[in-house]
Protein backbone atom coordinates (compact mmCIF):
# COMPACT_ATOMS: atom_id res chain seq x y z
CA MET A 1 60.61 74.47 143.16
CA ILE A 2 58.82 75.86 139.57
CA SER A 3 61.67 78.05 139.06
CA THR A 4 63.70 74.80 138.79
CA LYS A 5 60.95 72.91 136.64
CA LEU A 6 62.20 76.09 134.83
CA GLY A 7 65.44 75.17 134.89
CA LEU A 8 66.04 71.45 133.40
CA THR A 9 63.03 72.21 131.02
CA SER A 10 63.82 75.62 129.41
CA PHE A 11 65.80 75.05 126.42
CA GLY A 12 66.14 77.78 123.43
CA GLY A 13 67.61 80.76 124.35
CA PRO A 14 66.59 83.59 126.59
CA ILE A 15 64.06 84.80 124.14
CA ALA A 16 62.35 80.85 124.08
CA HIS A 17 62.71 81.58 127.75
CA LEU A 18 60.83 84.26 127.80
CA GLY A 19 57.69 82.21 126.75
CA TYR A 20 58.31 79.07 128.68
CA PHE A 21 58.16 81.71 131.92
CA ARG A 22 54.94 83.43 130.13
CA ASP A 23 52.99 79.83 129.45
CA GLU A 24 54.25 78.91 133.79
CA TYR A 25 53.35 81.94 135.09
CA VAL A 26 51.01 84.39 133.58
CA LEU A 27 48.86 81.32 131.80
CA ARG A 28 48.84 78.66 134.18
CA ARG A 29 49.83 79.61 137.52
CA LYS A 30 48.19 83.28 137.00
CA TRP A 31 50.97 84.60 139.75
CA ILE A 32 51.03 88.00 136.90
CA ASP A 33 48.94 88.80 134.16
CA ASP A 34 49.71 89.27 130.23
CA LYS A 35 50.36 93.75 131.30
CA ASN A 36 52.21 93.68 133.81
CA TYR A 37 54.46 90.51 132.45
CA GLY A 38 54.81 92.75 129.28
CA ASP A 39 56.45 95.82 131.90
CA LEU A 40 58.88 93.28 133.27
CA VAL A 41 59.95 91.94 130.02
CA ALA A 42 60.51 95.46 129.00
CA LEU A 43 62.54 96.28 132.28
CA CYS A 44 64.66 93.62 131.67
CA GLN A 45 65.72 94.18 128.26
CA PHE A 46 66.54 97.97 128.54
CA LEU A 47 69.39 96.87 131.52
CA PRO A 48 72.29 94.91 131.12
CA GLY A 49 72.66 91.20 131.66
CA PRO A 50 70.37 88.02 131.22
CA ALA A 51 67.29 89.39 130.27
CA SER A 52 65.16 85.93 130.81
CA SER A 53 67.24 85.46 134.42
CA GLN A 54 66.12 88.57 135.30
CA VAL A 55 62.28 88.26 134.42
CA GLY A 56 62.37 85.24 136.66
CA ILE A 57 64.23 87.51 139.61
CA GLY A 58 61.76 90.23 139.10
CA ILE A 59 58.87 87.48 139.78
CA GLY A 60 60.30 85.82 142.56
CA THR A 61 61.03 89.51 144.15
CA ILE A 62 57.35 89.79 143.63
CA ARG A 63 55.60 86.87 144.35
CA ALA A 64 57.77 86.67 147.69
CA GLY A 65 60.35 89.82 148.44
CA THR A 66 64.27 89.41 147.54
CA LEU A 67 64.61 85.72 149.03
CA GLY A 68 61.82 84.92 146.64
CA GLY A 69 64.32 86.30 143.24
CA LEU A 70 66.46 84.81 145.76
CA ILE A 71 64.99 81.00 144.95
CA SER A 72 64.27 81.91 141.93
CA PHE A 73 67.53 82.28 140.56
CA ILE A 74 69.05 79.79 142.27
CA GLY A 75 66.39 77.03 141.00
CA PHE A 76 66.51 78.62 137.09
CA THR A 77 70.60 79.13 136.83
CA LEU A 78 71.32 75.71 138.73
CA PRO A 79 70.24 73.11 136.50
CA SER A 80 72.47 73.60 133.66
CA VAL A 81 75.52 75.58 136.49
CA VAL A 82 76.27 71.63 136.98
CA PHE A 83 75.20 70.27 133.60
CA LEU A 84 77.95 72.39 132.23
CA ILE A 85 80.65 71.83 134.97
CA LEU A 86 80.06 68.00 134.45
CA PHE A 87 80.78 68.88 131.12
CA VAL A 88 83.97 69.83 131.55
CA LEU A 89 84.59 66.25 133.07
CA VAL A 90 83.55 64.51 129.73
CA THR A 91 84.30 66.82 126.89
CA GLN A 92 86.94 64.74 125.11
CA GLN A 93 84.44 61.59 125.70
CA TYR A 94 81.45 62.84 123.96
CA ASN A 95 80.52 64.36 121.06
CA MET A 96 77.01 66.13 122.18
CA MET A 97 77.14 68.26 119.20
CA GLU A 98 76.76 66.19 117.04
CA SER A 99 73.27 64.36 118.56
CA GLY A 100 69.82 64.43 117.03
CA PHE A 101 68.18 65.72 120.36
CA ILE A 102 69.67 68.85 120.07
CA GLN A 103 68.24 70.24 116.59
CA GLY A 104 64.60 68.75 118.32
CA LEU A 105 65.39 70.75 120.72
CA LYS A 106 66.10 73.59 118.86
CA ILE A 107 62.77 72.97 117.00
CA VAL A 108 61.16 72.90 121.11
CA ALA A 109 62.28 76.19 120.94
CA VAL A 110 60.34 77.36 117.73
CA ALA A 111 57.24 75.59 118.63
CA VAL A 112 57.77 77.64 122.39
CA VAL A 113 58.32 81.17 120.84
CA ALA A 114 56.02 80.96 118.47
CA HIS A 115 52.76 80.31 121.16
CA ALA A 116 54.16 83.38 123.05
CA ILE A 117 54.33 86.21 120.35
CA LEU A 118 50.74 85.13 120.05
CA GLY A 119 50.25 85.31 123.27
CA MET A 120 51.42 88.69 123.46
CA ALA A 121 50.67 89.93 120.51
CA LYS A 122 46.82 90.10 121.01
CA ASN A 123 47.45 91.42 124.68
CA LEU A 124 50.39 94.15 124.13
CA ALA A 125 49.45 95.06 120.08
CA SER A 126 45.71 95.37 119.81
CA ASP A 127 45.57 98.84 118.41
CA MET A 128 47.09 99.54 114.82
CA LYS A 129 48.86 102.00 116.33
CA ARG A 130 50.72 99.85 118.75
CA LYS A 131 51.33 97.25 115.72
CA VAL A 132 53.11 99.21 113.63
CA ILE A 133 55.30 99.77 116.07
CA VAL A 134 55.82 96.18 116.39
CA LEU A 135 56.64 96.31 112.48
CA PHE A 136 59.13 99.51 113.17
CA SER A 137 61.07 97.70 115.83
CA LEU A 138 60.40 94.18 114.34
CA LEU A 139 61.80 95.28 110.67
CA THR A 140 64.81 97.68 112.68
CA THR A 141 65.99 94.93 115.09
CA LEU A 142 66.06 92.41 112.29
CA LEU A 143 67.77 94.36 109.09
CA ILE A 144 70.09 96.18 111.49
CA PRO A 145 71.29 94.03 114.07
CA HIS A 146 74.20 95.36 116.40
CA VAL A 147 73.72 95.00 120.44
CA LEU A 148 72.54 98.63 120.56
CA THR A 149 69.74 98.17 118.15
CA GLN A 150 66.95 96.81 120.92
CA VAL A 151 67.67 99.38 123.71
CA SER A 152 67.65 102.36 120.58
CA VAL A 153 64.52 100.74 119.49
CA ILE A 154 62.43 100.86 123.28
CA LEU A 155 63.78 104.26 124.18
CA ILE A 156 62.52 105.15 120.07
CA ALA A 157 58.96 103.24 121.05
CA GLY A 158 59.15 104.85 124.18
CA LEU A 159 58.67 108.01 123.09
CA LEU A 160 56.14 107.20 119.95
CA GLY A 161 53.85 105.15 122.74
CA TRP A 162 54.56 108.69 125.06
CA VAL A 163 53.29 111.28 122.00
CA LEU A 164 50.87 108.40 120.85
CA PHE A 165 49.28 107.53 123.79
CA ARG A 166 49.52 110.47 126.20
CA SER A 167 45.79 112.02 125.71
CA ILE A 168 44.77 108.24 126.42
CA GLN A 169 43.19 108.52 130.10
CA HIS A 170 44.85 105.42 132.03
CA ASP A 171 43.15 104.85 135.28
CA GLU A 172 42.67 101.55 135.23
CA LYS A 173 44.76 99.70 139.03
CA THR A 174 47.96 98.28 138.34
CA SER A 175 48.01 94.53 140.72
CA LEU A 176 51.50 94.90 140.30
CA GLN A 177 53.06 95.31 144.14
CA ILE A 178 56.46 95.08 144.76
CA PRO A 179 57.96 94.33 148.39
CA LEU A 180 61.34 96.35 147.88
CA SER A 181 61.89 99.42 149.29
CA LYS A 182 63.83 102.48 147.45
CA THR A 183 66.56 102.64 149.75
CA PHE A 184 67.40 98.57 149.29
CA GLY A 185 67.38 99.38 145.19
CA THR A 186 69.90 102.30 146.17
CA ILE A 187 72.26 100.33 147.99
CA CYS A 188 72.00 98.06 145.32
CA LEU A 189 72.21 100.12 142.88
CA THR A 190 75.11 101.45 144.68
CA LEU A 191 76.71 98.51 145.02
CA PHE A 192 76.76 97.48 140.88
CA PHE A 193 79.17 100.67 140.15
CA ALA A 194 81.06 100.30 143.27
CA LEU A 195 81.71 96.87 142.33
CA LEU A 196 82.48 97.72 138.29
CA LEU A 197 84.36 100.60 139.06
CA GLY A 198 86.86 98.86 141.68
CA LEU A 199 87.20 95.46 140.87
CA PRO A 200 89.51 96.88 137.70
CA PHE A 201 91.44 98.85 140.18
CA LEU A 202 91.67 96.07 142.32
CA ASN A 203 92.50 94.16 140.02
CA ASN A 204 94.96 96.82 138.72
CA ILE A 205 96.82 96.61 142.28
CA THR A 206 96.82 92.81 142.80
CA SER A 207 98.05 89.64 141.56
CA ALA A 208 95.76 87.14 142.71
CA THR A 209 94.33 85.08 139.89
CA TRP A 210 90.75 85.08 141.45
CA ILE A 211 90.41 88.97 141.13
CA SER A 212 91.01 88.63 137.54
CA VAL A 213 88.50 86.21 136.60
CA PHE A 214 86.27 87.97 139.47
CA ASP A 215 86.42 90.98 137.59
CA SER A 216 86.31 89.94 134.05
CA PHE A 217 83.17 87.77 134.77
CA TYR A 218 81.35 90.64 136.54
CA ARG A 219 82.52 93.08 133.29
CA ALA A 220 80.97 91.10 131.62
CA GLY A 221 77.70 90.71 133.29
CA SER A 222 77.15 94.42 133.87
CA LEU A 223 78.03 95.73 130.41
CA VAL A 224 76.38 93.45 127.62
CA PHE A 225 73.29 94.25 126.17
CA GLY A 226 71.12 91.45 123.60
CA GLY A 227 71.21 88.93 125.91
CA GLY A 228 74.03 85.47 125.93
CA HIS A 229 74.27 84.84 122.79
CA VAL A 230 75.88 88.27 122.63
CA VAL A 231 78.66 87.67 125.93
CA LEU A 232 80.09 84.21 124.31
CA PRO A 233 82.10 86.28 121.92
CA LEU A 234 82.70 88.39 124.55
CA LEU A 235 83.93 85.86 127.52
CA GLU A 236 86.07 84.42 124.55
CA ARG A 237 88.50 87.93 123.89
CA GLU A 238 88.87 87.47 127.32
CA PHE A 239 89.35 84.07 128.58
CA VAL A 240 91.30 82.78 125.20
CA PRO A 241 93.96 85.14 124.37
CA THR A 242 95.50 85.12 128.17
CA GLY A 243 95.75 81.59 127.63
CA LEU A 244 93.42 80.45 130.79
CA ILE A 245 91.34 78.00 128.14
CA SER A 246 92.55 76.81 125.37
CA GLU A 247 90.32 77.58 122.19
CA GLU A 248 89.08 74.03 121.20
CA SER A 249 87.79 73.79 125.35
CA PHE A 250 86.09 77.17 124.82
CA LEU A 251 84.93 76.11 121.77
CA ALA A 252 83.19 73.09 123.14
CA GLY A 253 81.29 74.26 126.31
CA TYR A 254 79.88 77.19 123.72
CA GLY A 255 78.38 74.27 121.95
CA ALA A 256 77.24 72.08 125.32
CA ALA A 257 75.92 76.11 127.25
CA GLN A 258 73.22 76.36 123.74
CA ALA A 259 72.93 72.93 124.51
CA VAL A 260 71.48 72.80 128.13
CA PRO A 261 68.50 74.59 129.21
CA GLY A 262 68.82 77.53 131.57
CA PRO A 263 70.56 81.02 130.72
CA LEU A 264 73.37 80.86 128.32
CA PHE A 265 75.44 83.30 131.06
CA THR A 266 75.61 80.02 132.86
CA PHE A 267 78.68 79.40 130.24
CA ALA A 268 80.52 80.79 132.74
CA ALA A 269 80.68 78.27 135.08
CA TYR A 270 81.81 76.53 132.05
CA ILE A 271 85.48 78.26 131.95
CA GLY A 272 85.08 78.84 135.73
CA ALA A 273 85.40 74.74 136.59
CA ASP A 274 88.12 74.74 133.27
CA ILE A 275 90.31 77.00 134.94
CA GLY A 276 89.69 75.89 138.72
CA GLY A 277 88.12 73.16 139.03
CA TRP A 278 84.34 72.88 140.18
CA LEU A 279 85.28 75.86 142.95
CA GLY A 280 86.19 77.83 139.63
CA GLY A 281 82.45 76.77 138.30
CA VAL A 282 80.58 78.83 140.93
CA TRP A 283 82.96 81.45 141.06
CA ALA A 284 82.68 82.41 137.87
CA THR A 285 78.80 82.00 138.29
CA LEU A 286 78.36 84.30 140.78
CA ALA A 287 80.20 87.16 139.68
CA ILE A 288 78.84 86.66 136.20
CA PHE A 289 75.10 87.19 137.34
CA LEU A 290 76.01 89.35 140.45
CA PRO A 291 75.40 92.69 138.14
CA ALA A 292 72.15 90.89 137.17
CA ILE A 293 70.77 89.95 140.52
CA LEU A 294 71.81 93.91 141.46
CA LEU A 295 70.55 95.94 138.69
CA ILE A 296 66.98 94.36 139.35
CA PHE A 297 67.11 95.18 142.65
CA GLY A 298 67.80 98.27 142.52
CA THR A 299 65.20 98.73 139.53
CA LEU A 300 62.30 97.61 140.27
CA PRO A 301 61.50 99.69 143.56
CA PHE A 302 61.52 102.32 141.16
CA TRP A 303 59.68 101.12 138.58
CA SER A 304 57.20 100.78 140.70
CA ALA A 305 56.48 103.55 141.44
CA LEU A 306 56.97 105.58 137.83
CA ARG A 307 54.68 103.28 136.03
CA LYS A 308 52.22 104.55 137.68
CA ASN A 309 52.55 107.92 135.94
CA ASN A 310 50.21 108.53 133.49
CA LYS A 311 53.00 109.42 130.92
CA VAL A 312 55.78 106.55 132.22
CA LYS A 313 52.09 104.56 131.23
CA ALA A 314 51.92 106.25 128.48
CA ALA A 315 55.07 105.37 126.94
CA LEU A 316 54.97 101.26 128.42
CA LEU A 317 52.62 101.26 126.23
CA GLY A 318 54.92 101.78 122.92
CA VAL A 319 57.61 99.79 124.92
CA ASN A 320 55.33 96.13 125.74
CA ALA A 321 54.85 97.09 121.19
CA ALA A 322 58.31 96.76 120.96
CA VAL A 323 58.70 93.51 122.82
CA VAL A 324 56.76 91.31 120.34
CA GLY A 325 58.58 93.02 117.60
CA ILE A 326 61.77 91.63 119.12
CA LEU A 327 61.26 88.26 119.86
CA ILE A 328 59.11 88.68 116.79
CA SER A 329 62.66 89.27 115.28
CA ALA A 330 64.53 87.03 117.29
CA PHE A 331 62.16 84.10 116.30
CA TYR A 332 63.03 84.85 112.93
CA HIS A 333 66.62 84.94 113.44
CA PRO A 334 68.32 82.69 115.20
CA ILE A 335 65.50 80.34 116.29
CA TRP A 336 63.76 79.96 113.19
CA THR A 337 67.52 79.75 111.03
CA SER A 338 68.75 77.26 113.52
CA ALA A 339 65.85 74.94 113.43
CA ILE A 340 63.50 74.77 110.25
CA ILE A 341 65.93 73.59 107.66
CA THR A 342 63.57 70.52 106.35
CA PRO A 343 59.95 70.10 105.68
CA ILE A 344 60.61 67.63 108.99
CA ASP A 345 61.72 70.30 111.04
CA PHE A 346 58.56 72.61 109.98
CA SER A 347 57.12 68.90 110.51
CA LEU A 348 58.17 68.55 113.79
CA ALA A 349 57.31 72.40 114.92
CA ALA A 350 54.08 71.98 114.05
CA LEU A 351 53.60 69.04 115.86
CA LEU A 352 54.88 70.58 119.09
CA PHE A 353 52.57 73.85 118.29
CA PHE A 354 49.73 71.55 118.40
CA MET A 355 50.80 69.80 121.67
CA LEU A 356 51.13 73.21 123.69
CA VAL A 357 48.72 75.44 122.44
CA TYR A 358 45.36 73.16 121.59
CA TRP A 359 46.66 70.17 123.23
CA LYS A 360 47.37 72.58 126.77
CA LEU A 361 50.62 69.52 127.59
CA PRO A 362 53.04 70.72 129.81
CA PRO A 363 56.14 72.07 128.26
CA TRP A 364 58.60 69.54 129.81
CA VAL A 365 55.94 67.01 127.70
CA ILE A 366 56.66 69.21 124.78
CA VAL A 367 60.58 69.37 125.23
CA LEU A 368 60.52 65.56 126.56
CA THR A 369 58.21 64.70 122.93
CA GLY A 370 60.97 67.54 120.55
CA ALA A 371 64.34 65.90 122.17
CA VAL A 372 63.65 61.83 121.44
CA VAL A 373 61.82 62.39 118.02
CA GLY A 374 64.85 64.86 116.92
CA GLN A 375 67.14 61.53 118.17
CA LEU A 376 65.02 59.15 116.42
CA ILE A 377 65.44 60.97 113.01
CA HIS A 378 68.42 61.58 113.74
CA SER A 379 69.20 57.91 112.92
CA LEU A 380 67.21 57.22 110.51
């Protein structure tokens, strides 16, 4: 299963995941083209929740409907959920964060994201106007690192695109067909808001711990913009002060979540397993990802209709350029700043980039090479 392979090999966080997805779904399998991929990334960047997971669900949905979206989600998420639940059992025995392979995996992310940026910039920012939007989004998100900055940049870029490109004739036919009805989308959005508003009320009138835990994780998945790195401190405020998990255990899991492949939102599985065993891990995972699933299923049917409008297409030209700038900003921090420390790190990144771009080796080979060489460097 393709999504499971990505779940086993996609290291480096949400921005790196978008690079892996592009390599697999756009370049290798051609299930979606760069233009449609950029549109989907823009939508998921705008929605709260784990953007990379939502992109994966969206691609699975485009390919095979609701079932395809759910299978894509399970395949991409399950490996890291299993890893983190198992990690709860061995936290006291192994210090994985000190291993050299972790540094190697960070350098893998540098090569993957650099490749994705070059490809997307070529297709989504080919003229000077869009290059200026790329620069604007890059500088803004880099210099104003706030959770609302990314959403604000996308909105402004959409407005700029509407102003700058509305006179252009957009008569190209889109090949993106969404096999979901607007009725189904409306049901999903209604359920999303019903749970968001109803769970706190239910939590207040009952003392059941499992409802309280579900409410906390559901709200985290519903209200967080900016991806997994943002949700981690939010979960700390939800669970450490209440005593449901110790600060030491939380920090150990924090490191493990960034060491395993797949979405960072699966850190919920670690917390849930620490609180209530493997069933708690499954329960927490369902709670934190359910908003993302409902939102992408709810918005895709309407997104497909809107993007056929010429004015919306003009706005999307600006939004897609902004996404490239956001990717470059994230490429610098935290990916580059946390991975490229020494000349040896840069040399390994260059080697991995060459293997990926020019030798066209599959991502799992790049991941394995980065991990092994990183461990060898650490041992010297």
